C-alpha atoms as a PDB file:
ATOM      1  CA  MET A   1     103.037  64.503  90.058  1.00  0.00           C
ATOM      2  CA  ILE A   2      99.734  64.667  91.954  1.00  0.00           C
ATOM      3  CA  GLN A   3     101.594  65.039  95.263  1.00  0.00           C
ATOM      4  CA  LYS A   4     103.616  67.971  93.831  1.00  0.00           C
ATOM      5  CA  LYS A   5     100.383  69.757  92.815  1.00  0.00           C
ATOM      6  CA  SER A   6      98.928  69.233  96.306  1.00  0.00           C
ATOM      7  CA  ILE A   7     102.019  70.678  97.985  1.00  0.00           C
ATOM      8  CA  CYS A   8     101.983  73.671  95.613  1.00  0.00           C
ATOM      9  CA  SER A   9      98.269  74.227  96.279  1.00  0.00           C
ATOM     10  CA  VAL A  10      98.827  74.191 100.034  1.00  0.00           C
ATOM     11  CA  LEU A  11     101.773  76.604  99.737  1.00  0.00           C
ATOM     12  CA  VAL A  12      99.797  79.005  97.520  1.00  0.00           C
ATOM     13  CA  ALA A  13      96.812  78.886  99.897  1.00  0.00           C
ATOM     14  CA  GLY A  14      99.090  79.554 102.890  1.00  0.00           C
ATOM     15  CA  LEU A  15     100.749  82.474 101.102  1.00  0.00           C
ATOM     16  CA  LEU A  16      97.339  83.920 100.234  1.00  0.00           C
ATOM     17  CA  VAL A  17      96.188  83.690 103.878  1.00  0.00           C
ATOM     18  CA  MET A  18      99.387  85.383 105.071  1.00  0.00           C
ATOM     19  CA  CYS A  19      98.899  88.215 102.553  1.00  0.00           C
ATOM     20  CA  LEU A  20      95.306  88.762 103.718  1.00  0.00           C
ATOM     21  CA  LEU A  21      96.316  88.787 107.384  1.00  0.00           C
ATOM     22  CA  GLY A  22      99.230  91.108 106.677  1.00  0.00           C
ATOM     23  CA  ALA A  23      97.006  93.533 104.769  1.00  0.00           C
ATOM     24  CA  GLY A  24      94.658  93.774 107.751  1.00  0.00           C
ATOM     25  CA  CYS A  25      97.546  94.643 110.058  1.00  0.00           C
ATOM     26  CA  THR A  26      98.769  97.508 107.905  1.00  0.00           C
ATOM     27  CA  SER A  27      95.486  99.216 107.109  1.00  0.00           C
ATOM     28  CA  GLN A  28      94.981 102.766 108.368  1.00  0.00           C
ATOM     29  CA  PRO A  29      91.772 104.016 109.999  1.00  0.00           C
ATOM     30  CA  GLU A  30      89.434 105.880 107.687  1.00  0.00           C
ATOM     31  CA  GLU A  31      89.347 109.661 107.898  1.00  0.00           C
ATOM     32  CA  GLY A  32      86.961 110.647 110.683  1.00  0.00           C
ATOM     33  CA  THR A  33      87.112 107.254 112.379  1.00  0.00           C
ATOM     34  CA  PRO A  34      87.449 107.707 116.156  1.00  0.00           C
ATOM     35  CA  ASP A  35      90.874 106.831 117.482  1.00  0.00           C
ATOM     36  CA  ARG A  36      90.573 103.919 119.931  1.00  0.00           C
ATOM     37  CA  ASP A  37      94.259 103.788 120.889  1.00  0.00           C
ATOM     38  CA  ALA A  38      95.151 104.508 124.465  1.00  0.00           C
ATOM     39  CA  HIS A  39      97.000 107.740 125.281  1.00  0.00           C
ATOM     40  CA  THR A  40      97.174 108.849 121.676  1.00  0.00           C
ATOM     41  CA  ARG A  41      97.845 112.424 120.762  1.00  0.00           C
ATOM     42  CA  ARG A  42      95.962 113.206 117.610  1.00  0.00           C
ATOM     43  CA  ASP A  43      97.305 115.619 115.020  1.00  0.00           C
ATOM     44  CA  GLY A  44      94.951 118.286 116.365  1.00  0.00           C
ATOM     45  CA  GLY A  45      96.677 118.111 119.755  1.00  0.00           C
ATOM     46  CA  GLU A  46      93.973 116.138 121.585  1.00  0.00           C
ATOM     47  CA  TYR A  47      95.073 113.429 124.002  1.00  0.00           C
ATOM     48  CA  VAL A  48      92.781 110.382 123.846  1.00  0.00           C
ATOM     49  CA  PHE A  49      92.411 107.905 126.724  1.00  0.00           C
ATOM     50  CA  ASN A  50      90.288 104.769 127.191  1.00  0.00           C
ATOM     51  CA  GLU A  51      89.810 101.737 129.476  1.00  0.00           C
ATOM     52  CA  THR A  52      93.436 100.688 129.083  1.00  0.00           C
ATOM     53  CA  ASN A  53      94.504 103.876 130.914  1.00  0.00           C
ATOM     54  CA  ASN A  54      92.575 103.022 134.097  1.00  0.00           C
ATOM     55  CA  ASN A  55      94.466 104.038 137.258  1.00  0.00           C
ATOM     56  CA  GLU A  56      97.216 105.821 135.315  1.00  0.00           C
ATOM     57  CA  THR A  57      98.821 109.168 136.103  1.00  0.00           C
ATOM     58  CA  VAL A  58      99.659 111.252 133.044  1.00  0.00           C
ATOM     59  CA  THR A  59     101.592 114.503 132.726  1.00  0.00           C
ATOM     60  CA  LEU A  60     100.231 116.978 130.168  1.00  0.00           C
ATOM     61  CA  PRO A  61     100.992 120.581 129.244  1.00  0.00           C
ATOM     62  CA  ALA A  62      98.459 123.229 130.319  1.00  0.00           C
ATOM     63  CA  GLY A  63      95.994 123.957 127.538  1.00  0.00           C
ATOM     64  CA  SER A  64      95.925 120.356 126.296  1.00  0.00           C
ATOM     65  CA  GLU A  65      92.676 118.983 124.950  1.00  0.00           C
ATOM     66  CA  ILE A  66      91.686 115.668 126.554  1.00  0.00           C
ATOM     67  CA  ALA A  67      89.169 113.063 125.383  1.00  0.00           C
ATOM     68  CA  ILE A  68      88.224 110.094 127.546  1.00  0.00           C
ATOM     69  CA  ARG A  69      86.375 107.309 125.701  1.00  0.00           C
ATOM     70  CA  LEU A  70      84.620 104.558 127.666  1.00  0.00           C
ATOM     71  CA  ASP A  71      82.392 101.773 126.348  1.00  0.00           C
ATOM     72  CA  GLU A  72      78.771 102.227 127.396  1.00  0.00           C
ATOM     73  CA  ASN A  73      75.439 100.519 126.718  1.00  0.00           C
ATOM     74  CA  PRO A  74      72.645 102.628 128.252  1.00  0.00           C
ATOM     75  CA  THR A  75      69.953 100.238 126.972  1.00  0.00           C
ATOM     76  CA  THR A  76      70.941  97.944 129.880  1.00  0.00           C
ATOM     77  CA  GLY A  77      70.136 100.699 132.394  1.00  0.00           C
ATOM     78  CA  PHE A  78      73.834 101.258 133.146  1.00  0.00           C
ATOM     79  CA  SER A  79      75.727 104.459 132.440  1.00  0.00           C
ATOM     80  CA  TRP A  80      78.870 106.227 133.621  1.00  0.00           C
ATOM     81  CA  ASN A  81      78.534 108.555 136.609  1.00  0.00           C
ATOM     82  CA  VAL A  82      81.471 110.945 136.160  1.00  0.00           C
ATOM     83  CA  THR A  83      83.245 113.431 138.421  1.00  0.00           C
ATOM     84  CA  SER A  84      86.219 115.619 137.628  1.00  0.00           C
ATOM     85  CA  SER A  85      88.280 117.908 139.790  1.00  0.00           C
ATOM     86  CA  ALA A  86      89.499 121.465 139.430  1.00  0.00           C
ATOM     87  CA  GLY A  87      92.148 121.809 136.772  1.00  0.00           C
ATOM     88  CA  LEU A  88      90.025 119.939 134.221  1.00  0.00           C
ATOM     89  CA  GLU A  89      87.614 122.251 132.427  1.00  0.00           C
ATOM     90  CA  TYR A  90      84.570 120.390 131.068  1.00  0.00           C
ATOM     91  CA  VAL A  91      84.000 121.028 127.360  1.00  0.00           C
ATOM     92  CA  ASN A  92      81.491 118.427 126.141  1.00  0.00           C
ATOM     93  CA  ASP A  93      80.311 114.834 126.395  1.00  0.00           C
ATOM     94  CA  THR A  94      78.714 112.722 123.699  1.00  0.00           C
ATOM     95  CA  TYR A  95      77.334 109.207 123.437  1.00  0.00           C
ATOM     96  CA  ILE A  96      78.185 107.507 120.135  1.00  0.00           C
ATOM     97  CA  ALA A  97      75.693 104.718 119.475  1.00  0.00           C
ATOM     98  CA  PRO A  98      76.780 101.461 117.833  1.00  0.00           C
ATOM     99  CA  GLU A  99      76.339 101.294 114.079  1.00  0.00           C
ATOM    100  CA  THR A 100      73.588  98.675 114.127  1.00  0.00           C
ATOM    101  CA  GLU A 101      69.816  98.647 114.042  1.00  0.00           C
ATOM    102  CA  LEU A 102      69.575  95.883 116.653  1.00  0.00           C
ATOM    103  CA  VAL A 103      67.706  97.085 119.731  1.00  0.00           C
ATOM    104  CA  GLY A 104      69.848  96.801 122.864  1.00  0.00           C
ATOM    105  CA  ALA A 105      73.045  96.121 120.934  1.00  0.00           C
ATOM    106  CA  GLY A 106      76.209  96.950 122.815  1.00  0.00           C
ATOM    107  CA  GLY A 107      79.216  98.669 121.381  1.00  0.00           C
ATOM    108  CA  GLY A 108      78.425 102.311 122.097  1.00  0.00           C
ATOM    109  CA  VAL A 109      81.045 104.723 123.392  1.00  0.00           C
ATOM    110  CA  HIS A 110      80.702 107.728 125.686  1.00  0.00           C
ATOM    111  CA  VAL A 111      83.271 110.484 125.061  1.00  0.00           C
ATOM    112  CA  TRP A 112      84.067 113.256 127.553  1.00  0.00           C
ATOM    113  CA  GLN A 113      86.126 116.216 126.408  1.00  0.00           C
ATOM    114  CA  TYR A 114      88.104 118.403 128.799  1.00  0.00           C
ATOM    115  CA  LEU A 115      90.703 121.116 128.691  1.00  0.00           C
ATOM    116  CA  ALA A 116      93.739 120.846 130.977  1.00  0.00           C
ATOM    117  CA  ALA A 117      93.067 124.372 132.177  1.00  0.00           C
ATOM    118  CA  GLU A 118      95.252 124.956 135.238  1.00  0.00           C
ATOM    119  CA  PRO A 119      98.689 123.747 136.270  1.00  0.00           C
ATOM    120  CA  GLY A 120      98.578 121.306 139.166  1.00  0.00           C
ATOM    121  CA  ALA A 121      96.961 117.962 139.915  1.00  0.00           C
ATOM    122  CA  ALA A 122      93.571 116.944 138.531  1.00  0.00           C
ATOM    123  CA  GLU A 123      91.490 113.778 138.521  1.00  0.00           C
ATOM    124  CA  PHE A 124      88.767 112.157 136.411  1.00  0.00           C
ATOM    125  CA  THR A 125      86.740 109.343 138.004  1.00  0.00           C
ATOM    126  CA  ALA A 126      83.765 107.355 136.774  1.00  0.00           C
ATOM    127  CA  ILE A 127      81.589 104.524 138.037  1.00  0.00           C
ATOM    128  CA  TYR A 128      79.490 102.367 135.697  1.00  0.00           C
ATOM    129  CA  LYS A 129      76.184 101.755 137.429  1.00  0.00           C
ATOM    130  CA  ARG A 130      72.432 101.946 137.259  1.00  0.00           C
ATOM    131  CA  PRO A 131      70.613 105.212 138.017  1.00  0.00           C
ATOM    132  CA  PRO A 132      71.882 107.288 140.958  1.00  0.00           C
ATOM    133  CA  TRP A 133      68.999 106.333 143.259  1.00  0.00           C
ATOM    134  CA  GLU A 134      70.220 102.725 143.352  1.00  0.00           C
ATOM    135  CA  GLU A 135      72.798 101.974 146.017  1.00  0.00           C
ATOM    136  CA  THR A 136      76.453 101.499 145.140  1.00  0.00           C
ATOM    137  CA  THR A 137      77.480  97.946 146.041  1.00  0.00           C
ATOM    138  CA  GLY A 138      81.237  98.126 145.499  1.00  0.00           C
ATOM    139  CA  ASN A 139      81.084  95.596 142.649  1.00  0.00           C
ATOM    140  CA  GLU A 140      80.622  98.234 139.946  1.00  0.00           C
ATOM    141  CA  THR A 141      83.147  98.855 137.192  1.00  0.00           C
ATOM    142  CA  THR A 142      85.195 101.973 137.886  1.00  0.00           C
ATOM    143  CA  PHE A 143      87.635 104.119 135.946  1.00  0.00           C
ATOM    144  CA  SER A 144      90.000 106.783 137.205  1.00  0.00           C
ATOM    145  CA  MET A 145      92.895 108.823 135.908  1.00  0.00           C
ATOM    146  CA  ALA A 146      95.143 111.369 137.536  1.00  0.00           C
ATOM    147  CA  PHE A 147      96.612 114.248 135.557  1.00  0.00           C
ATOM    148  CA  ILE A 148      99.617 116.387 136.348  1.00  0.00           C
ATOM    149  CA  ILE A 149      99.183 119.576 134.395  1.00  0.00           C
ATOM    150  CA  GLU A 150     102.348 121.594 133.795  1.00  0.00           C
END
């Protein structure tokens, strides 16, 4: 009898854990929560890219809104040095600080917004480094994307 109760307890506990894990997998992001998925087109028509899209070439229709989101922690002295080519019209860039009061905490995100303005080829490149007056060593983190605008 005691062994039966132990087996039932283990089964119930396992079922409870599976339910909790399953609930976490099906939850939806809150309204207004930034979309962290790679190459996602939001309902508003904005294409969102992040680190997982590094070195990709993407075809987009002219007039598309583009957001590129890269992790950044400027408290370390590092930030993204960005360049973009013709065809991408700069709209805005914003740094979103981490939601913590810890000084120097990582977890911030820098978001650049562009408009795919002209048909043709365009490129976005970035290098994560210290201020521009320090030499580039070749060991820096880089990000680049090519766009074919139709």
